[in-house]
Amino acid sequence: MEEQSNSITPMAMSHGLYMGLALVLNSVVFYVMGSLFSNIGGYIAYGIIIAGIAWTMRTYRDKNPEAGLSYGRALGLGTLQSLFASLILGFFTFVLFKLVDPSLLDKFFAFFEEQMLKNGTSENQIDTLMGFYRKMTTPLTYSLVQVFSVTLFGFIFSLILAIFLKKQTTNPFHGVE
C-alpha cells in the first residue's frame, strides 16, 4: 500500500492557481466595466479569497481524514495558497499597468485623490501625498504591494477560517513510526 503525502504545498499551489485566476477574472471584469478601482470589486475579491481558502481547507481536511487538519497546518495552507494566488494576480496587474494600459496609474491617482477629497483631506495634504505617491508608485511597486496585501489578507482570513475548519486526527498514532 502506497503512503499518501500530507504536504500542504501541492494543494496550496493548485488551489492558489484557481484562486489567482478567479482574482484575475474579477479584475478583468471590473477593468472592462471601467471600474477597476471600485470598492465593490475589492469586496468581491475578499469574497473570492475567503471562499477559496475555505474550499482548500475543507478539501484538504476531507482528503486526509487520518491526519486531520491542525490549526497550524490550516493556517499555513491558507496563507501559502494566498501567496501563490497573489503572485498570479501581481503578475497580471504588472502586465496590465505596464503593457496593456499604462494610463491606469494616472486613473488610480485620480481615484485616490477623489477618495481623499471625499474624506475631507485638505488640498495641501493631498498635494503632498500625491507628490509622494507619484514618485514612489510604478507598475512594479503597485504589483508588489498587491502581492503583499493579498497574502496578508489571506493570512488574516486563514486565522479565522482555521478555527472553524480544523479537525483533530482520527488516528491517535498517525505520524508515529
N, C-alpha and C. Protein backbone atom coordinates (compact mmCIF):
# COMPACT_ATOMS: atom_id res chain seq x y z
N MET A 1 0.85 -1.18 0.00
CA MET A 1 0.00 0.00 0.00
C MET A 1 0.89 1.24 0.00
N GLU A 2 0.57 2.17 -0.84
CA GLU A 2 1.34 3.39 -1.01
C GLU A 2 0.95 4.42 0.04
N GLU A 3 1.94 5.05 0.66
CA GLU A 3 1.65 6.06 1.67
C GLU A 3 1.40 7.40 0.99
N GLN A 4 0.33 8.04 1.38
CA GLN A 4 -0.05 9.32 0.79
C GLN A 4 0.66 10.46 1.50
N SER A 5 1.18 11.40 0.73
CA SER A 5 1.87 12.55 1.31
C SER A 5 0.84 13.54 1.85
N ASN A 6 1.14 14.09 3.01
CA ASN A 6 0.24 15.06 3.62
C ASN A 6 0.78 16.48 3.47
N SER A 7 1.70 16.69 2.55
CA SER A 7 2.27 18.02 2.34
C SER A 7 1.19 18.98 1.86
N ILE A 8 1.23 20.18 2.40
CA ILE A 8 0.23 21.17 2.01
C ILE A 8 0.61 21.90 0.73
N THR A 9 1.88 21.85 0.34
CA THR A 9 2.35 22.66 -0.79
C THR A 9 1.65 22.34 -2.11
N PRO A 10 1.53 21.07 -2.52
CA PRO A 10 0.87 20.82 -3.82
C PRO A 10 -0.57 21.34 -3.87
N MET A 11 -1.31 21.14 -2.79
CA MET A 11 -2.69 21.62 -2.78
C MET A 11 -2.73 23.15 -2.74
N ALA A 12 -1.84 23.75 -1.97
CA ALA A 12 -1.79 25.21 -1.90
C ALA A 12 -1.46 25.80 -3.27
N MET A 13 -0.57 25.14 -4.00
CA MET A 13 -0.20 25.63 -5.33
C MET A 13 -1.37 25.50 -6.31
N SER A 14 -1.99 24.31 -6.36
CA SER A 14 -3.06 24.11 -7.33
C SER A 14 -4.28 24.98 -7.00
N HIS A 15 -4.66 25.02 -5.74
CA HIS A 15 -5.81 25.85 -5.37
C HIS A 15 -5.46 27.34 -5.41
N GLY A 16 -4.20 27.66 -5.18
CA GLY A 16 -3.76 29.05 -5.34
C GLY A 16 -3.87 29.49 -6.79
N LEU A 17 -3.60 28.56 -7.71
CA LEU A 17 -3.77 28.86 -9.13
C LEU A 17 -5.22 29.19 -9.43
N TYR A 18 -6.14 28.36 -8.94
CA TYR A 18 -7.56 28.62 -9.18
C TYR A 18 -8.00 29.95 -8.57
N MET A 19 -7.57 30.19 -7.34
CA MET A 19 -7.95 31.43 -6.67
C MET A 19 -7.33 32.62 -7.38
N GLY A 20 -6.08 32.50 -7.82
CA GLY A 20 -5.43 33.57 -8.56
C GLY A 20 -6.15 33.88 -9.86
N LEU A 21 -6.56 32.83 -10.57
CA LEU A 21 -7.29 33.04 -11.82
C LEU A 21 -8.65 33.68 -11.57
N ALA A 22 -9.30 33.30 -10.48
CA ALA A 22 -10.58 33.94 -10.13
C ALA A 22 -10.38 35.42 -9.81
N LEU A 23 -9.29 35.75 -9.12
CA LEU A 23 -8.99 37.15 -8.81
C LEU A 23 -8.66 37.93 -10.08
N VAL A 24 -7.95 37.29 -11.00
CA VAL A 24 -7.64 37.93 -12.28
C VAL A 24 -8.93 38.18 -13.06
N LEU A 25 -9.81 37.17 -13.09
CA LEU A 25 -11.09 37.33 -13.78
C LEU A 25 -11.89 38.48 -13.18
N ASN A 26 -11.90 38.58 -11.87
CA ASN A 26 -12.57 39.70 -11.19
C ASN A 26 -11.99 41.03 -11.66
N SER A 27 -10.67 41.11 -11.72
CA SER A 27 -10.02 42.35 -12.17
C SER A 27 -10.35 42.66 -13.62
N VAL A 28 -10.36 41.63 -14.47
CA VAL A 28 -10.67 41.83 -15.89
C VAL A 28 -12.09 42.37 -16.04
N VAL A 29 -13.04 41.78 -15.33
CA VAL A 29 -14.43 42.22 -15.42
C VAL A 29 -14.55 43.69 -15.02
N PHE A 30 -13.94 44.07 -13.91
CA PHE A 30 -14.05 45.46 -13.46
C PHE A 30 -13.22 46.40 -14.34
N TYR A 31 -12.14 45.92 -14.93
CA TYR A 31 -11.37 46.74 -15.87
C TYR A 31 -12.20 47.03 -17.12
N VAL A 32 -12.86 46.00 -17.64
CA VAL A 32 -13.69 46.17 -18.84
C VAL A 32 -14.87 47.11 -18.55
N MET A 33 -15.39 47.03 -17.33
CA MET A 33 -16.50 47.92 -16.95
C MET A 33 -16.02 49.33 -16.65
N GLY A 34 -14.71 49.54 -16.61
CA GLY A 34 -14.17 50.86 -16.31
C GLY A 34 -14.19 51.19 -14.83
N SER A 35 -14.28 50.17 -13.99
CA SER A 35 -14.37 50.38 -12.54
C SER A 35 -13.32 49.57 -11.80
N LEU A 36 -12.10 49.53 -12.32
CA LEU A 36 -11.06 48.69 -11.74
C LEU A 36 -10.80 49.01 -10.27
N PHE A 37 -10.97 50.25 -9.88
CA PHE A 37 -10.64 50.65 -8.51
C PHE A 37 -11.87 50.77 -7.61
N SER A 38 -13.01 50.19 -8.03
CA SER A 38 -14.23 50.32 -7.24
C SER A 38 -14.16 49.48 -5.97
N ASN A 39 -14.87 49.93 -4.96
CA ASN A 39 -14.95 49.19 -3.70
C ASN A 39 -15.63 47.84 -3.88
N ILE A 40 -16.62 47.79 -4.76
CA ILE A 40 -17.35 46.54 -4.98
C ILE A 40 -16.41 45.46 -5.49
N GLY A 41 -15.53 45.82 -6.40
CA GLY A 41 -14.54 44.85 -6.90
C GLY A 41 -13.65 44.34 -5.79
N GLY A 42 -13.29 45.22 -4.87
CA GLY A 42 -12.48 44.81 -3.73
C GLY A 42 -13.22 43.86 -2.81
N TYR A 43 -14.51 44.14 -2.56
CA TYR A 43 -15.30 43.27 -1.71
C TYR A 43 -15.47 41.89 -2.35
N ILE A 44 -15.66 41.88 -3.66
CA ILE A 44 -15.77 40.59 -4.36
C ILE A 44 -14.45 39.84 -4.27
N ALA A 45 -13.34 40.55 -4.38
CA ALA A 45 -12.03 39.90 -4.24
C ALA A 45 -11.87 39.29 -2.85
N TYR A 46 -12.31 40.00 -1.81
CA TYR A 46 -12.26 39.43 -0.45
C TYR A 46 -13.10 38.15 -0.38
N GLY A 47 -14.27 38.19 -1.00
CA GLY A 47 -15.13 37.00 -1.03
C GLY A 47 -14.47 35.84 -1.74
N ILE A 48 -13.78 36.13 -2.84
CA ILE A 48 -13.06 35.08 -3.57
C ILE A 48 -11.97 34.48 -2.69
N ILE A 49 -11.25 35.34 -1.99
CA ILE A 49 -10.17 34.86 -1.12
C ILE A 49 -10.73 33.99 0.01
N ILE A 50 -11.78 34.45 0.66
CA ILE A 50 -12.38 33.69 1.76
C ILE A 50 -12.91 32.35 1.26
N ALA A 51 -13.68 32.38 0.17
CA ALA A 51 -14.25 31.14 -0.37
C ALA A 51 -13.15 30.19 -0.83
N GLY A 52 -12.13 30.73 -1.48
CA GLY A 52 -11.03 29.89 -1.96
C GLY A 52 -10.29 29.21 -0.83
N ILE A 53 -10.00 29.95 0.23
CA ILE A 53 -9.28 29.38 1.37
C ILE A 53 -10.16 28.34 2.08
N ALA A 54 -11.43 28.64 2.28
CA ALA A 54 -12.33 27.70 2.94
C ALA A 54 -12.45 26.41 2.13
N TRP A 55 -12.57 26.53 0.82
CA TRP A 55 -12.67 25.37 -0.07
C TRP A 55 -11.40 24.52 0.04
N THR A 56 -10.26 25.15 0.04
CA THR A 56 -8.99 24.42 0.12
C THR A 56 -8.84 23.72 1.46
N MET A 57 -9.14 24.41 2.54
CA MET A 57 -9.02 23.79 3.86
C MET A 57 -9.96 22.59 3.99
N ARG A 58 -11.16 22.76 3.52
CA ARG A 58 -12.14 21.67 3.62
C ARG A 58 -11.72 20.49 2.74
N THR A 59 -11.24 20.78 1.54
CA THR A 59 -10.79 19.71 0.64
C THR A 59 -9.62 18.96 1.24
N TYR A 60 -8.66 19.68 1.78
CA TYR A 60 -7.51 19.04 2.41
C TYR A 60 -7.94 18.18 3.59
N ARG A 61 -8.80 18.72 4.41
CA ARG A 61 -9.28 18.00 5.60
C ARG A 61 -10.01 16.71 5.21
N ASP A 62 -10.85 16.80 4.16
CA ASP A 62 -11.61 15.63 3.74
C ASP A 62 -10.76 14.59 3.04
N LYS A 63 -9.69 15.02 2.38
CA LYS A 63 -8.81 14.07 1.68
C LYS A 63 -7.82 13.39 2.62
N ASN A 64 -7.63 13.92 3.80
CA ASN A 64 -6.67 13.39 4.77
C ASN A 64 -7.34 13.17 6.12
N PRO A 65 -8.36 12.29 6.18
CA PRO A 65 -9.10 12.15 7.44
C PRO A 65 -8.26 11.61 8.59
N GLU A 66 -7.30 10.73 8.28
CA GLU A 66 -6.47 10.19 9.36
C GLU A 66 -5.54 11.25 9.93
N ALA A 67 -5.02 12.10 9.06
CA ALA A 67 -4.08 13.13 9.51
C ALA A 67 -4.80 14.29 10.17
N GLY A 68 -6.06 14.51 9.78
CA GLY A 68 -6.78 15.65 10.30
C GLY A 68 -6.24 16.95 9.72
N LEU A 69 -6.64 18.03 10.29
CA LEU A 69 -6.15 19.35 9.87
C LEU A 69 -5.99 20.20 11.12
N SER A 70 -4.76 20.31 11.57
CA SER A 70 -4.50 21.11 12.77
C SER A 70 -4.67 22.59 12.45
N TYR A 71 -4.79 23.37 13.50
CA TYR A 71 -4.94 24.82 13.32
C TYR A 71 -3.73 25.38 12.57
N GLY A 72 -2.54 24.99 12.98
CA GLY A 72 -1.32 25.50 12.34
C GLY A 72 -1.20 25.10 10.88
N ARG A 73 -1.56 23.85 10.58
CA ARG A 73 -1.50 23.39 9.19
C ARG A 73 -2.54 24.12 8.35
N ALA A 74 -3.73 24.33 8.89
CA ALA A 74 -4.77 25.07 8.17
C ALA A 74 -4.33 26.51 7.91
N LEU A 75 -3.72 27.12 8.91
CA LEU A 75 -3.22 28.49 8.75
C LEU A 75 -2.14 28.54 7.67
N GLY A 76 -1.22 27.60 7.71
CA GLY A 76 -0.17 27.55 6.70
C GLY A 76 -0.71 27.29 5.31
N LEU A 77 -1.69 26.40 5.21
CA LEU A 77 -2.29 26.08 3.92
C LEU A 77 -2.96 27.31 3.30
N GLY A 78 -3.77 28.00 4.08
CA GLY A 78 -4.46 29.18 3.57
C GLY A 78 -3.51 30.31 3.21
N THR A 79 -2.49 30.50 4.03
CA THR A 79 -1.52 31.57 3.76
C THR A 79 -0.70 31.26 2.52
N LEU A 80 -0.26 30.01 2.39
CA LEU A 80 0.53 29.62 1.22
C LEU A 80 -0.30 29.71 -0.05
N GLN A 81 -1.55 29.28 0.04
CA GLN A 81 -2.45 29.40 -1.11
C GLN A 81 -2.61 30.86 -1.51
N SER A 82 -2.76 31.74 -0.54
CA SER A 82 -2.91 33.17 -0.82
C SER A 82 -1.65 33.73 -1.47
N LEU A 83 -0.49 33.26 -1.03
CA LEU A 83 0.76 33.71 -1.63
C LEU A 83 0.81 33.34 -3.11
N PHE A 84 0.49 32.09 -3.42
CA PHE A 84 0.52 31.66 -4.82
C PHE A 84 -0.51 32.44 -5.66
N ALA A 85 -1.70 32.64 -5.11
CA ALA A 85 -2.73 33.40 -5.82
C ALA A 85 -2.29 34.84 -6.02
N SER A 86 -1.64 35.41 -5.01
CA SER A 86 -1.21 36.81 -5.12
C SER A 86 -0.11 36.98 -6.15
N LEU A 87 0.74 35.98 -6.31
CA LEU A 87 1.79 36.06 -7.33
C LEU A 87 1.18 36.09 -8.73
N ILE A 88 0.13 35.30 -8.94
CA ILE A 88 -0.56 35.30 -10.24
C ILE A 88 -1.23 36.65 -10.47
N LEU A 89 -1.95 37.13 -9.46
CA LEU A 89 -2.63 38.43 -9.59
C LEU A 89 -1.62 39.56 -9.75
N GLY A 90 -0.52 39.51 -9.01
CA GLY A 90 0.51 40.53 -9.12
C GLY A 90 1.14 40.58 -10.50
N PHE A 91 1.40 39.41 -11.08
CA PHE A 91 1.95 39.36 -12.44
C PHE A 91 0.96 39.95 -13.44
N PHE A 92 -0.32 39.56 -13.31
CA PHE A 92 -1.34 40.10 -14.19
C PHE A 92 -1.42 41.63 -14.06
N THR A 93 -1.41 42.11 -12.84
CA THR A 93 -1.50 43.55 -12.59
C THR A 93 -0.32 44.28 -13.20
N PHE A 94 0.87 43.72 -13.05
CA PHE A 94 2.05 44.35 -13.64
C PHE A 94 1.91 44.45 -15.15
N VAL A 95 1.50 43.36 -15.80
CA VAL A 95 1.32 43.37 -17.26
C VAL A 95 0.24 44.37 -17.65
N LEU A 96 -0.86 44.40 -16.91
CA LEU A 96 -1.95 45.32 -17.21
C LEU A 96 -1.49 46.77 -17.11
N PHE A 97 -0.81 47.12 -16.04
CA PHE A 97 -0.39 48.50 -15.81
C PHE A 97 0.79 48.91 -16.67
N LYS A 98 1.67 47.98 -16.99
CA LYS A 98 2.89 48.31 -17.72
C LYS A 98 2.70 48.22 -19.24
N LEU A 99 2.00 47.18 -19.71
CA LEU A 99 1.93 46.92 -21.15
C LEU A 99 0.56 47.18 -21.76
N VAL A 100 -0.49 46.74 -21.11
CA VAL A 100 -1.83 46.83 -21.70
C VAL A 100 -2.38 48.25 -21.64
N ASP A 101 -2.33 48.87 -20.46
CA ASP A 101 -2.91 50.20 -20.28
C ASP A 101 -2.06 51.03 -19.32
N PRO A 102 -0.96 51.62 -19.83
CA PRO A 102 -0.09 52.41 -18.95
C PRO A 102 -0.77 53.61 -18.30
N SER A 103 -1.92 54.03 -18.82
CA SER A 103 -2.62 55.18 -18.22
C SER A 103 -3.34 54.81 -16.92
N LEU A 104 -3.34 53.54 -16.56
CA LEU A 104 -4.06 53.11 -15.35
C LEU A 104 -3.51 53.74 -14.08
N LEU A 105 -2.21 53.97 -14.03
CA LEU A 105 -1.66 54.61 -12.83
C LEU A 105 -2.22 56.01 -12.65
N ASP A 106 -2.36 56.75 -13.75
CA ASP A 106 -2.96 58.09 -13.65
C ASP A 106 -4.42 58.00 -13.20
N LYS A 107 -5.13 56.99 -13.70
CA LYS A 107 -6.52 56.78 -13.27
C LYS A 107 -6.57 56.41 -11.78
N PHE A 108 -5.60 55.62 -11.35
CA PHE A 108 -5.52 55.26 -9.93
C PHE A 108 -5.29 56.49 -9.08
N PHE A 109 -4.36 57.35 -9.50
CA PHE A 109 -4.08 58.57 -8.74
C PHE A 109 -5.30 59.48 -8.69
N ALA A 110 -6.03 59.58 -9.79
CA ALA A 110 -7.25 60.40 -9.82
C ALA A 110 -8.29 59.83 -8.86
N PHE A 111 -8.45 58.51 -8.87
CA PHE A 111 -9.39 57.85 -7.97
C PHE A 111 -8.98 58.08 -6.51
N PHE A 112 -7.70 57.91 -6.24
CA PHE A 112 -7.17 58.08 -4.89
C PHE A 112 -7.38 59.51 -4.40
N GLU A 113 -7.12 60.48 -5.27
CA GLU A 113 -7.31 61.89 -4.91
C GLU A 113 -8.78 62.18 -4.63
N GLU A 114 -9.66 61.62 -5.45
CA GLU A 114 -11.09 61.81 -5.26
C GLU A 114 -11.54 61.24 -3.91
N GLN A 115 -11.01 60.08 -3.55
CA GLN A 115 -11.36 59.47 -2.26
C GLN A 115 -10.88 60.32 -1.09
N MET A 116 -9.68 60.90 -1.22
CA MET A 116 -9.17 61.77 -0.15
C MET A 116 -10.02 63.02 -0.02
N LEU A 117 -10.48 63.58 -1.14
CA LEU A 117 -11.35 64.76 -1.07
C LEU A 117 -12.66 64.42 -0.37
N LYS A 118 -13.22 63.23 -0.68
CA LYS A 118 -14.47 62.81 -0.05
C LYS A 118 -14.29 62.63 1.46
N ASN A 119 -13.08 62.25 1.87
CA ASN A 119 -12.81 62.03 3.29
C ASN A 119 -12.44 63.31 4.03
N GLY A 120 -12.45 64.45 3.32
CA GLY A 120 -12.19 65.72 3.96
C GLY A 120 -10.73 66.08 4.13
N THR A 121 -9.86 65.46 3.37
CA THR A 121 -8.43 65.78 3.43
C THR A 121 -8.20 67.15 2.80
N SER A 122 -7.35 67.95 3.41
CA SER A 122 -7.11 69.30 2.89
C SER A 122 -6.33 69.24 1.58
N GLU A 123 -6.48 70.29 0.77
CA GLU A 123 -5.78 70.38 -0.52
C GLU A 123 -4.27 70.28 -0.35
N ASN A 124 -3.75 70.94 0.69
CA ASN A 124 -2.31 70.92 0.94
C ASN A 124 -1.83 69.50 1.23
N GLN A 125 -2.57 68.78 2.07
CA GLN A 125 -2.20 67.39 2.38
C GLN A 125 -2.29 66.51 1.14
N ILE A 126 -3.32 66.72 0.34
CA ILE A 126 -3.49 65.93 -0.88
C ILE A 126 -2.33 66.17 -1.82
N ASP A 127 -1.95 67.43 -2.01
CA ASP A 127 -0.82 67.74 -2.90
C ASP A 127 0.46 67.08 -2.41
N THR A 128 0.70 67.12 -1.12
CA THR A 128 1.90 66.50 -0.55
C THR A 128 1.88 64.99 -0.76
N LEU A 129 0.75 64.37 -0.41
CA LEU A 129 0.64 62.91 -0.56
C LEU A 129 0.72 62.47 -2.02
N MET A 130 0.04 63.20 -2.89
CA MET A 130 0.04 62.82 -4.30
C MET A 130 1.44 62.95 -4.90
N GLY A 131 2.17 63.97 -4.50
CA GLY A 131 3.55 64.11 -4.97
C GLY A 131 4.40 62.93 -4.55
N PHE A 132 4.23 62.52 -3.30
CA PHE A 132 4.97 61.36 -2.79
C PHE A 132 4.57 60.09 -3.53
N TYR A 133 3.26 59.85 -3.65
CA TYR A 133 2.79 58.62 -4.29
C TYR A 133 3.17 58.56 -5.77
N ARG A 134 3.14 59.68 -6.44
CA ARG A 134 3.52 59.69 -7.86
C ARG A 134 5.00 59.33 -8.04
N LYS A 135 5.83 59.73 -7.08
CA LYS A 135 7.26 59.39 -7.16
C LYS A 135 7.50 57.92 -6.86
N MET A 136 6.75 57.38 -5.91
CA MET A 136 7.01 56.04 -5.40
C MET A 136 6.25 54.93 -6.12
N THR A 137 5.17 55.26 -6.80
CA THR A 137 4.32 54.22 -7.37
C THR A 137 4.63 54.01 -8.84
N THR A 138 5.01 52.77 -9.15
CA THR A 138 5.24 52.32 -10.52
C THR A 138 4.41 51.05 -10.70
N PRO A 139 4.29 50.54 -11.92
CA PRO A 139 3.59 49.27 -12.08
C PRO A 139 4.19 48.15 -11.21
N LEU A 140 5.51 48.15 -11.07
CA LEU A 140 6.16 47.12 -10.26
C LEU A 140 5.82 47.28 -8.77
N THR A 141 5.94 48.49 -8.24
CA THR A 141 5.65 48.67 -6.82
C THR A 141 4.17 48.44 -6.53
N TYR A 142 3.30 48.85 -7.43
CA TYR A 142 1.86 48.61 -7.26
C TYR A 142 1.59 47.11 -7.20
N SER A 143 2.23 46.36 -8.09
CA SER A 143 2.05 44.90 -8.12
C SER A 143 2.61 44.24 -6.87
N LEU A 144 3.78 44.69 -6.42
CA LEU A 144 4.38 44.11 -5.22
C LEU A 144 3.54 44.38 -3.98
N VAL A 145 2.98 45.58 -3.89
CA VAL A 145 2.09 45.89 -2.77
C VAL A 145 0.85 45.00 -2.83
N GLN A 146 0.37 44.74 -4.03
CA GLN A 146 -0.79 43.87 -4.18
C GLN A 146 -0.46 42.43 -3.74
N VAL A 147 0.73 41.95 -4.10
CA VAL A 147 1.15 40.61 -3.66
C VAL A 147 1.18 40.56 -2.13
N PHE A 148 1.78 41.56 -1.52
CA PHE A 148 1.85 41.62 -0.06
C PHE A 148 0.45 41.70 0.55
N SER A 149 -0.41 42.54 0.00
CA SER A 149 -1.75 42.75 0.56
C SER A 149 -2.60 41.49 0.49
N VAL A 150 -2.61 40.84 -0.67
CA VAL A 150 -3.43 39.63 -0.81
C VAL A 150 -2.92 38.54 0.12
N THR A 151 -1.60 38.41 0.24
CA THR A 151 -1.04 37.42 1.16
C THR A 151 -1.40 37.75 2.60
N LEU A 152 -1.31 39.01 2.98
CA LEU A 152 -1.66 39.43 4.33
C LEU A 152 -3.13 39.18 4.63
N PHE A 153 -4.02 39.57 3.71
CA PHE A 153 -5.44 39.31 3.93
C PHE A 153 -5.72 37.82 3.96
N GLY A 154 -5.03 37.05 3.12
CA GLY A 154 -5.18 35.60 3.16
C GLY A 154 -4.78 35.03 4.51
N PHE A 155 -3.70 35.56 5.07
CA PHE A 155 -3.25 35.14 6.41
C PHE A 155 -4.32 35.47 7.45
N ILE A 156 -4.85 36.67 7.40
CA ILE A 156 -5.86 37.09 8.38
C ILE A 156 -7.13 36.24 8.25
N PHE A 157 -7.59 36.03 7.01
CA PHE A 157 -8.77 35.20 6.81
C PHE A 157 -8.50 33.75 7.24
N SER A 158 -7.28 33.27 7.01
CA SER A 158 -6.91 31.91 7.40
C SER A 158 -6.90 31.76 8.92
N LEU A 159 -6.47 32.80 9.62
CA LEU A 159 -6.51 32.77 11.09
C LEU A 159 -7.92 32.46 11.58
N ILE A 160 -8.89 33.09 10.95
CA ILE A 160 -10.29 32.93 11.37
C ILE A 160 -10.87 31.61 10.86
N LEU A 161 -10.67 31.32 9.57
CA LEU A 161 -11.24 30.11 8.99
C LEU A 161 -10.68 28.84 9.63
N ALA A 162 -9.41 28.86 10.01
CA ALA A 162 -8.79 27.68 10.60
C ALA A 162 -9.47 27.28 11.91
N ILE A 163 -10.02 28.26 12.62
CA ILE A 163 -10.74 27.96 13.87
C ILE A 163 -11.92 27.03 13.58
N PHE A 164 -12.62 27.29 12.49
CA PHE A 164 -13.84 26.55 12.17
C PHE A 164 -13.59 25.29 11.34
N LEU A 165 -12.50 25.26 10.60
CA LEU A 165 -12.27 24.13 9.68
C LEU A 165 -11.22 23.15 10.15
N LYS A 166 -10.61 23.40 11.29
CA LYS A 166 -9.62 22.44 11.80
C LYS A 166 -10.34 21.16 12.22
N LYS A 167 -9.59 20.07 12.19
CA LYS A 167 -10.18 18.79 12.58
C LYS A 167 -9.08 17.94 13.19
N GLN A 168 -9.37 17.39 14.34
CA GLN A 168 -8.39 16.53 15.01
C GLN A 168 -8.22 15.24 14.23
N THR A 169 -7.06 14.65 14.35
CA THR A 169 -6.78 13.39 13.68
C THR A 169 -7.69 12.29 14.22
N THR A 170 -8.12 11.38 13.33
CA THR A 170 -8.94 10.25 13.76
C THR A 170 -8.07 9.09 14.23
N ASN A 171 -6.79 9.12 13.88
CA ASN A 171 -5.85 8.08 14.27
C ASN A 171 -4.88 8.67 15.29
N PRO A 172 -4.97 8.26 16.54
CA PRO A 172 -4.08 8.85 17.55
C PRO A 172 -2.61 8.51 17.34
N PHE A 173 -2.34 7.50 16.53
CA PHE A 173 -0.95 7.11 16.27
C PHE A 173 -0.45 7.59 14.92
N HIS A 174 -1.20 8.48 14.28
CA HIS A 174 -0.77 8.99 12.97
C HIS A 174 0.55 9.73 13.10
N GLY A 175 1.49 9.37 12.26
CA GLY A 175 2.79 10.03 12.26
C GLY A 175 3.79 9.39 13.20
N VAL A 176 3.34 8.41 14.01
CA VAL A 176 4.25 7.72 14.92
C VAL A 176 4.80 6.51 14.19
N GLU A 177 6.09 6.41 14.11
CA GLU A 177 6.73 5.29 13.41
C GLU A 177 7.16 4.26 14.39
